[in-house]
N, C-alpha and C. Protein backbone atom coordinates (compact mmCIF):
# COMPACT_ATOMS: atom_id res chain seq x y z
N MET A 1 157.56 297.28 -61.56
CA MET A 1 156.16 297.57 -61.80
C MET A 1 155.88 297.46 -63.30
N LYS A 2 154.81 296.80 -63.66
CA LYS A 2 154.49 296.65 -65.09
C LYS A 2 153.93 297.94 -65.65
N LYS A 3 154.12 298.12 -66.93
CA LYS A 3 153.64 299.33 -67.61
C LYS A 3 152.15 299.18 -67.90
N ILE A 4 151.38 300.18 -67.53
CA ILE A 4 149.93 300.18 -67.76
C ILE A 4 149.67 300.92 -69.07
N GLU A 5 148.84 300.32 -69.91
CA GLU A 5 148.53 300.92 -71.21
C GLU A 5 147.91 302.29 -71.02
N ASN A 6 148.38 303.25 -71.80
CA ASN A 6 147.92 304.62 -71.69
C ASN A 6 147.27 305.04 -73.00
N LYS A 7 146.14 304.44 -73.31
CA LYS A 7 145.46 304.78 -74.55
C LYS A 7 143.95 304.62 -74.34
N GLU A 8 143.24 305.73 -74.46
CA GLU A 8 141.78 305.68 -74.32
C GLU A 8 141.15 304.98 -75.52
N HIS A 9 139.96 304.43 -75.29
CA HIS A 9 139.16 303.98 -76.43
C HIS A 9 138.80 305.21 -77.25
N THR A 10 138.68 305.05 -78.54
CA THR A 10 138.23 306.17 -79.36
C THR A 10 136.72 306.30 -79.23
N LYS A 11 136.21 307.43 -79.64
CA LYS A 11 134.77 307.66 -79.63
C LYS A 11 134.07 306.59 -80.47
N GLU A 12 134.65 306.26 -81.61
CA GLU A 12 134.05 305.26 -82.51
C GLU A 12 134.03 303.88 -81.86
N GLU A 13 135.11 303.52 -81.16
CA GLU A 13 135.15 302.23 -80.47
C GLU A 13 134.09 302.17 -79.38
N LEU A 14 133.96 303.25 -78.63
CA LEU A 14 132.97 303.28 -77.55
C LEU A 14 131.54 303.21 -78.10
N ILE A 15 131.27 303.94 -79.15
CA ILE A 15 129.93 303.90 -79.75
C ILE A 15 129.63 302.50 -80.26
N ALA A 16 130.61 301.83 -80.85
CA ALA A 16 130.42 300.45 -81.31
C ALA A 16 130.10 299.53 -80.13
N ILE A 17 130.77 299.73 -79.00
CA ILE A 17 130.49 298.95 -77.79
C ILE A 17 129.07 299.22 -77.31
N PHE A 18 128.67 300.49 -77.27
CA PHE A 18 127.32 300.84 -76.83
C PHE A 18 126.26 300.23 -77.75
N LYS A 19 126.50 300.29 -79.03
CA LYS A 19 125.54 299.72 -79.99
C LYS A 19 125.43 298.22 -79.80
N LYS A 20 126.56 297.55 -79.60
CA LYS A 20 126.56 296.10 -79.40
C LYS A 20 125.76 295.73 -78.15
N GLN A 21 125.77 296.61 -77.16
CA GLN A 21 125.04 296.37 -75.91
C GLN A 21 123.60 296.90 -75.97
N ASN A 22 123.19 297.36 -77.16
CA ASN A 22 121.83 297.89 -77.35
C ASN A 22 121.52 299.08 -76.45
N ILE A 23 122.51 299.92 -76.23
CA ILE A 23 122.32 301.14 -75.46
C ILE A 23 121.60 302.14 -76.36
N PRO A 24 120.53 302.77 -75.89
CA PRO A 24 119.85 303.77 -76.71
C PRO A 24 120.79 304.92 -77.09
N GLU A 25 120.73 305.32 -78.33
CA GLU A 25 121.63 306.34 -78.86
C GLU A 25 121.53 307.66 -78.11
N LYS A 26 120.35 307.96 -77.55
CA LYS A 26 120.18 309.22 -76.84
C LYS A 26 121.12 309.35 -75.63
N TRP A 27 121.67 308.23 -75.17
CA TRP A 27 122.56 308.26 -74.01
C TRP A 27 124.03 308.24 -74.38
N PHE A 28 124.39 308.13 -75.64
CA PHE A 28 125.79 308.00 -76.03
C PHE A 28 126.65 309.12 -75.49
N THR A 29 126.23 310.36 -75.63
CA THR A 29 127.04 311.49 -75.18
C THR A 29 127.30 311.40 -73.68
N LYS A 30 126.26 311.10 -72.91
CA LYS A 30 126.41 310.98 -71.46
C LYS A 30 127.40 309.88 -71.10
N PHE A 31 127.32 308.75 -71.80
CA PHE A 31 128.20 307.63 -71.47
C PHE A 31 129.62 307.84 -71.98
N LEU A 32 129.78 308.58 -73.07
CA LEU A 32 131.12 308.95 -73.52
C LEU A 32 131.80 309.84 -72.47
N GLU A 33 131.04 310.77 -71.91
CA GLU A 33 131.56 311.63 -70.85
C GLU A 33 131.91 310.82 -69.61
N TYR A 34 131.08 309.83 -69.28
CA TYR A 34 131.34 309.01 -68.10
C TYR A 34 132.60 308.17 -68.30
N TYR A 35 132.77 307.62 -69.50
CA TYR A 35 133.99 306.86 -69.80
C TYR A 35 135.22 307.75 -69.60
N LYS A 36 135.17 308.97 -70.11
CA LYS A 36 136.29 309.91 -69.99
C LYS A 36 136.58 310.19 -68.52
N PHE A 37 135.55 310.39 -67.74
CA PHE A 37 135.70 310.60 -66.30
C PHE A 37 136.41 309.40 -65.66
N CYS A 38 135.95 308.18 -65.98
CA CYS A 38 136.55 306.97 -65.41
C CYS A 38 138.00 306.81 -65.84
N TYR A 39 138.23 307.00 -67.14
CA TYR A 39 139.59 306.85 -67.66
C TYR A 39 140.54 307.84 -66.96
N ASP A 40 140.15 309.09 -66.91
CA ASP A 40 141.00 310.11 -66.29
C ASP A 40 141.26 309.80 -64.82
N ASP A 41 140.24 309.35 -64.11
CA ASP A 41 140.37 309.03 -62.70
C ASP A 41 141.33 307.86 -62.50
N LEU A 42 141.17 306.81 -63.30
CA LEU A 42 142.05 305.65 -63.20
C LEU A 42 143.47 305.99 -63.63
N PHE A 43 143.60 306.78 -64.68
CA PHE A 43 144.93 307.16 -65.16
C PHE A 43 145.66 307.98 -64.10
N GLU A 44 144.95 308.87 -63.45
CA GLU A 44 145.54 309.69 -62.40
C GLU A 44 146.06 308.82 -61.26
N ASP A 45 145.33 307.73 -60.98
CA ASP A 45 145.70 306.84 -59.88
C ASP A 45 146.70 305.75 -60.26
N GLU A 46 147.05 305.64 -61.54
CA GLU A 46 147.87 304.51 -61.98
C GLU A 46 149.20 304.42 -61.26
N GLY A 47 149.77 305.53 -60.85
CA GLY A 47 151.03 305.49 -60.12
C GLY A 47 150.92 304.81 -58.78
N ASP A 48 149.70 304.71 -58.25
CA ASP A 48 149.48 304.05 -56.97
C ASP A 48 149.34 302.54 -57.10
N PHE A 49 149.23 302.04 -58.34
CA PHE A 49 149.05 300.60 -58.56
C PHE A 49 150.40 299.90 -58.59
N ASP A 50 150.44 298.68 -58.09
CA ASP A 50 151.62 297.85 -58.29
C ASP A 50 151.18 296.50 -58.84
N ASP A 51 152.13 295.62 -59.07
CA ASP A 51 151.83 294.35 -59.72
C ASP A 51 150.75 293.54 -59.00
N GLU A 52 150.68 293.65 -57.69
CA GLU A 52 149.69 292.88 -56.93
C GLU A 52 148.27 293.42 -57.11
N ASP A 53 148.16 294.68 -57.53
CA ASP A 53 146.84 295.31 -57.67
C ASP A 53 146.15 294.94 -58.97
N LEU A 54 146.92 294.55 -59.97
CA LEU A 54 146.36 294.35 -61.31
C LEU A 54 146.65 292.95 -61.83
N LYS A 55 145.71 292.43 -62.58
CA LYS A 55 145.94 291.20 -63.32
C LYS A 55 146.71 291.57 -64.58
N GLU A 56 147.33 290.60 -65.20
CA GLU A 56 148.18 290.87 -66.36
C GLU A 56 147.46 291.64 -67.46
N GLU A 57 146.19 291.29 -67.72
CA GLU A 57 145.46 291.90 -68.83
C GLU A 57 144.77 293.22 -68.47
N GLU A 58 144.83 293.63 -67.22
CA GLU A 58 144.15 294.86 -66.81
C GLU A 58 144.95 296.10 -67.19
N THR A 59 144.24 297.09 -67.68
CA THR A 59 144.83 298.37 -68.05
C THR A 59 143.89 299.47 -67.58
N VAL A 60 144.34 300.68 -67.65
CA VAL A 60 143.47 301.82 -67.36
C VAL A 60 142.29 301.78 -68.33
N GLN A 61 142.57 301.48 -69.57
CA GLN A 61 141.54 301.42 -70.61
C GLN A 61 140.48 300.35 -70.27
N SER A 62 140.92 299.14 -69.91
CA SER A 62 139.96 298.09 -69.59
C SER A 62 139.18 298.40 -68.33
N GLY A 63 139.83 299.04 -67.36
CA GLY A 63 139.13 299.44 -66.14
C GLY A 63 138.07 300.49 -66.41
N ALA A 64 138.40 301.44 -67.29
CA ALA A 64 137.44 302.51 -67.61
C ALA A 64 136.22 301.94 -68.33
N ILE A 65 136.44 301.00 -69.24
CA ILE A 65 135.28 300.43 -69.96
C ILE A 65 134.47 299.54 -69.02
N TYR A 66 135.12 298.84 -68.10
CA TYR A 66 134.41 298.02 -67.12
C TYR A 66 133.50 298.89 -66.25
N CYS A 67 134.05 299.98 -65.72
CA CYS A 67 133.26 300.90 -64.88
C CYS A 67 132.11 301.52 -65.68
N THR A 68 132.40 301.91 -66.90
CA THR A 68 131.37 302.51 -67.76
C THR A 68 130.26 301.52 -68.04
N ASN A 69 130.60 300.27 -68.29
CA ASN A 69 129.58 299.24 -68.55
C ASN A 69 128.67 299.03 -67.34
N LEU A 70 129.26 299.02 -66.15
CA LEU A 70 128.44 298.88 -64.93
C LEU A 70 127.47 300.05 -64.80
N TYR A 71 127.99 301.24 -65.02
CA TYR A 71 127.18 302.45 -64.91
C TYR A 71 126.06 302.46 -65.94
N THR A 72 126.39 302.19 -67.22
CA THR A 72 125.39 302.27 -68.28
C THR A 72 124.28 301.24 -68.08
N LYS A 73 124.63 300.05 -67.66
CA LYS A 73 123.62 299.01 -67.45
C LYS A 73 122.58 299.46 -66.42
N THR A 74 123.06 299.96 -65.30
CA THR A 74 122.15 300.41 -64.24
C THR A 74 121.37 301.64 -64.68
N PHE A 75 122.05 302.61 -65.27
CA PHE A 75 121.41 303.85 -65.70
C PHE A 75 120.28 303.58 -66.69
N VAL A 76 120.55 302.78 -67.71
CA VAL A 76 119.53 302.49 -68.74
C VAL A 76 118.37 301.73 -68.13
N GLU A 77 118.66 300.76 -67.28
CA GLU A 77 117.59 300.00 -66.63
C GLU A 77 116.65 300.91 -65.84
N LEU A 78 117.23 301.82 -65.08
CA LEU A 78 116.42 302.72 -64.26
C LEU A 78 115.62 303.71 -65.10
N THR A 79 116.24 304.31 -66.10
CA THR A 79 115.49 305.26 -66.93
C THR A 79 114.42 304.53 -67.75
N ASP A 80 114.70 303.31 -68.17
CA ASP A 80 113.68 302.52 -68.87
C ASP A 80 112.49 302.20 -67.97
N ASN A 81 112.73 302.14 -66.66
CA ASN A 81 111.65 301.88 -65.70
C ASN A 81 110.96 303.16 -65.25
N GLY A 82 111.31 304.30 -65.88
CA GLY A 82 110.60 305.55 -65.60
C GLY A 82 111.29 306.50 -64.65
N HIS A 83 112.46 306.15 -64.16
CA HIS A 83 113.16 307.03 -63.23
C HIS A 83 113.80 308.21 -63.97
N SER A 84 113.99 309.29 -63.23
CA SER A 84 114.62 310.49 -63.79
C SER A 84 116.11 310.25 -64.01
N VAL A 85 116.70 311.11 -64.82
CA VAL A 85 118.14 311.05 -65.09
C VAL A 85 118.92 311.25 -63.78
N GLU A 86 118.45 312.17 -62.94
CA GLU A 86 119.15 312.47 -61.69
C GLU A 86 119.17 311.25 -60.77
N TRP A 87 118.02 310.60 -60.63
CA TRP A 87 117.92 309.40 -59.79
C TRP A 87 118.79 308.30 -60.37
N ALA A 88 118.67 308.06 -61.66
CA ALA A 88 119.43 306.99 -62.31
C ALA A 88 120.93 307.22 -62.17
N HIS A 89 121.37 308.46 -62.34
CA HIS A 89 122.80 308.77 -62.20
C HIS A 89 123.28 308.49 -60.79
N THR A 90 122.56 308.95 -59.80
CA THR A 90 122.98 308.77 -58.41
C THR A 90 123.10 307.30 -58.06
N ILE A 91 122.12 306.50 -58.48
CA ILE A 91 122.16 305.06 -58.20
C ILE A 91 123.30 304.40 -58.96
N ALA A 92 123.42 304.69 -60.25
CA ALA A 92 124.44 304.05 -61.08
C ALA A 92 125.85 304.44 -60.65
N TYR A 93 126.03 305.65 -60.19
CA TYR A 93 127.34 306.16 -59.80
C TYR A 93 127.78 305.65 -58.43
N SER A 94 126.85 305.30 -57.58
CA SER A 94 127.14 304.95 -56.20
C SER A 94 127.82 303.58 -56.08
N ILE A 95 128.72 303.48 -55.09
CA ILE A 95 129.37 302.20 -54.80
C ILE A 95 128.77 301.56 -53.55
N LEU A 96 127.73 302.16 -53.01
CA LEU A 96 127.10 301.65 -51.80
C LEU A 96 126.24 300.42 -52.09
N ASP A 97 125.80 299.75 -51.03
CA ASP A 97 124.88 298.62 -51.17
C ASP A 97 123.53 299.14 -51.65
N ASP A 98 122.69 298.22 -52.14
CA ASP A 98 121.43 298.59 -52.77
C ASP A 98 120.56 299.52 -51.91
N GLU A 99 120.31 299.14 -50.66
CA GLU A 99 119.44 299.96 -49.82
C GLU A 99 120.07 301.33 -49.56
N GLN A 100 121.38 301.35 -49.38
CA GLN A 100 122.07 302.60 -49.13
C GLN A 100 122.05 303.50 -50.37
N LYS A 101 122.10 302.88 -51.55
CA LYS A 101 122.01 303.66 -52.79
C LYS A 101 120.67 304.37 -52.88
N ILE A 102 119.62 303.67 -52.51
CA ILE A 102 118.28 304.25 -52.56
C ILE A 102 118.20 305.43 -51.60
N TYR A 103 118.70 305.24 -50.39
CA TYR A 103 118.70 306.32 -49.42
C TYR A 103 119.52 307.51 -49.92
N GLU A 104 120.70 307.23 -50.47
CA GLU A 104 121.56 308.29 -50.98
C GLU A 104 120.87 309.06 -52.11
N ALA A 105 120.24 308.34 -53.03
CA ALA A 105 119.54 309.00 -54.14
C ALA A 105 118.39 309.85 -53.62
N TYR A 106 117.65 309.31 -52.68
CA TYR A 106 116.53 310.04 -52.09
C TYR A 106 117.02 311.32 -51.40
N GLU A 107 118.09 311.20 -50.63
CA GLU A 107 118.64 312.35 -49.92
C GLU A 107 119.18 313.41 -50.89
N GLU A 108 119.96 312.97 -51.87
CA GLU A 108 120.55 313.92 -52.82
C GLU A 108 119.48 314.65 -53.63
N LEU A 109 118.54 313.90 -54.14
CA LEU A 109 117.47 314.50 -54.92
C LEU A 109 116.57 315.36 -54.03
N GLY A 110 116.36 314.90 -52.79
CA GLY A 110 115.52 315.64 -51.85
C GLY A 110 116.06 317.01 -51.51
N LYS A 111 117.37 317.19 -51.58
CA LYS A 111 117.96 318.50 -51.31
C LYS A 111 117.58 319.50 -52.41
N LYS A 112 117.44 319.01 -53.62
CA LYS A 112 117.13 319.88 -54.76
C LYS A 112 115.63 319.95 -55.04
N ASN A 113 114.96 318.81 -54.88
CA ASN A 113 113.56 318.74 -55.27
C ASN A 113 112.86 317.65 -54.43
N PRO A 114 112.36 318.01 -53.24
CA PRO A 114 111.75 317.03 -52.34
C PRO A 114 110.57 316.27 -52.96
N GLU A 115 109.76 316.94 -53.76
CA GLU A 115 108.61 316.27 -54.37
C GLU A 115 109.06 315.21 -55.37
N LEU A 116 110.08 315.53 -56.18
CA LEU A 116 110.60 314.56 -57.14
C LEU A 116 111.25 313.39 -56.40
N ALA A 117 111.94 313.67 -55.31
CA ALA A 117 112.56 312.60 -54.52
C ALA A 117 111.50 311.62 -54.03
N LYS A 118 110.39 312.15 -53.53
CA LYS A 118 109.31 311.28 -53.05
C LYS A 118 108.70 310.50 -54.21
N LYS A 119 108.50 311.16 -55.34
CA LYS A 119 107.95 310.48 -56.52
C LYS A 119 108.88 309.34 -56.96
N GLU A 120 110.18 309.60 -56.96
CA GLU A 120 111.15 308.58 -57.37
C GLU A 120 111.14 307.40 -56.40
N LEU A 121 111.05 307.70 -55.12
CA LEU A 121 111.01 306.63 -54.12
C LEU A 121 109.75 305.78 -54.29
N ILE A 122 108.63 306.41 -54.53
CA ILE A 122 107.38 305.66 -54.75
C ILE A 122 107.49 304.82 -56.02
N LEU A 123 108.06 305.37 -57.07
CA LEU A 123 108.26 304.60 -58.30
C LEU A 123 109.16 303.39 -58.02
N HIS A 124 110.21 303.60 -57.25
CA HIS A 124 111.10 302.50 -56.88
C HIS A 124 110.32 301.41 -56.14
N CYS A 125 109.50 301.83 -55.19
CA CYS A 125 108.69 300.86 -54.43
C CYS A 125 107.71 300.13 -55.34
N ASN A 126 107.09 300.86 -56.24
CA ASN A 126 106.14 300.23 -57.17
C ASN A 126 106.83 299.21 -58.07
N ASN A 127 108.08 299.46 -58.41
CA ASN A 127 108.82 298.49 -59.21
C ASN A 127 109.16 297.24 -58.42
N LEU A 128 109.20 297.37 -57.09
CA LEU A 128 109.46 296.22 -56.23
C LEU A 128 108.18 295.49 -55.82
N SER A 129 107.12 296.28 -55.60
CA SER A 129 105.88 295.71 -55.06
C SER A 129 104.73 296.68 -55.31
N THR A 130 103.54 296.17 -55.31
CA THR A 130 102.36 297.03 -55.45
C THR A 130 101.73 297.29 -54.08
N ASP A 131 102.36 296.85 -53.02
CA ASP A 131 101.87 297.03 -51.66
C ASP A 131 102.01 298.50 -51.25
N GLU A 132 100.89 299.21 -51.14
CA GLU A 132 100.92 300.62 -50.79
C GLU A 132 101.50 300.86 -49.40
N ASP A 133 101.32 299.88 -48.48
CA ASP A 133 101.88 300.03 -47.14
C ASP A 133 103.41 300.08 -47.21
N LEU A 134 103.99 299.31 -48.12
CA LEU A 134 105.44 299.33 -48.29
C LEU A 134 105.91 300.73 -48.67
N GLU A 135 105.22 301.37 -49.59
CA GLU A 135 105.57 302.73 -49.99
C GLU A 135 105.53 303.67 -48.80
N ASP A 136 104.44 303.61 -48.04
CA ASP A 136 104.29 304.48 -46.88
C ASP A 136 105.38 304.21 -45.84
N THR A 137 105.68 302.95 -45.61
CA THR A 137 106.70 302.57 -44.64
C THR A 137 108.06 303.12 -45.03
N ILE A 138 108.42 302.95 -46.28
CA ILE A 138 109.73 303.43 -46.73
C ILE A 138 109.79 304.95 -46.69
N THR A 139 108.75 305.62 -47.13
CA THR A 139 108.73 307.09 -47.10
C THR A 139 108.84 307.59 -45.67
N THR A 140 108.07 306.99 -44.75
CA THR A 140 108.13 307.39 -43.34
C THR A 140 109.51 307.14 -42.77
N PHE A 141 110.07 305.97 -43.04
CA PHE A 141 111.40 305.63 -42.55
C PHE A 141 112.44 306.64 -43.03
N LEU A 142 112.45 306.92 -44.30
CA LEU A 142 113.44 307.85 -44.85
C LEU A 142 113.26 309.25 -44.27
N ASN A 143 112.03 309.67 -44.09
CA ASN A 143 111.78 310.99 -43.51
C ASN A 143 112.25 311.06 -42.06
N GLN A 144 112.06 309.97 -41.30
CA GLN A 144 112.50 309.95 -39.92
C GLN A 144 114.02 309.96 -39.82
N VAL A 145 114.67 309.18 -40.67
CA VAL A 145 116.14 309.13 -40.65
C VAL A 145 116.71 310.48 -41.03
N ARG A 146 116.04 311.16 -41.93
CA ARG A 146 116.50 312.45 -42.43
C ARG A 146 116.43 313.55 -41.37
N GLU A 147 115.48 313.45 -40.44
CA GLU A 147 115.29 314.49 -39.42
C GLU A 147 116.32 314.49 -38.35
């Protein structure tokens, strides 16, 4: 089994990466925490990896930055479009397909704040289309599935 690199990016390296990607500075702390979460999770699982699981250049470090980049791209896009931090996190964190992510975010947020969940869903629909019937259809569908 090949040796997997065991060295996290430094805070300075990560901030430089975020700046290069034009990530708003207000999100740096959140994304530093997410990187740490990814790194720790991958490092914990490294014993389960074998040579067939990884390409030669892959490391825990490269995997953590890859996952963090996917998360930050989605999170920033959603918050820039007016979505709440809670909605953006749920969507960005999810590994489900697009429609399932929306349902998951709606359900998770709906448990804590049903009005905000509905507002977020309507905002999502408005970003896709200005058709008010589409908003009503999706809201009705989600409410029926939820019951």
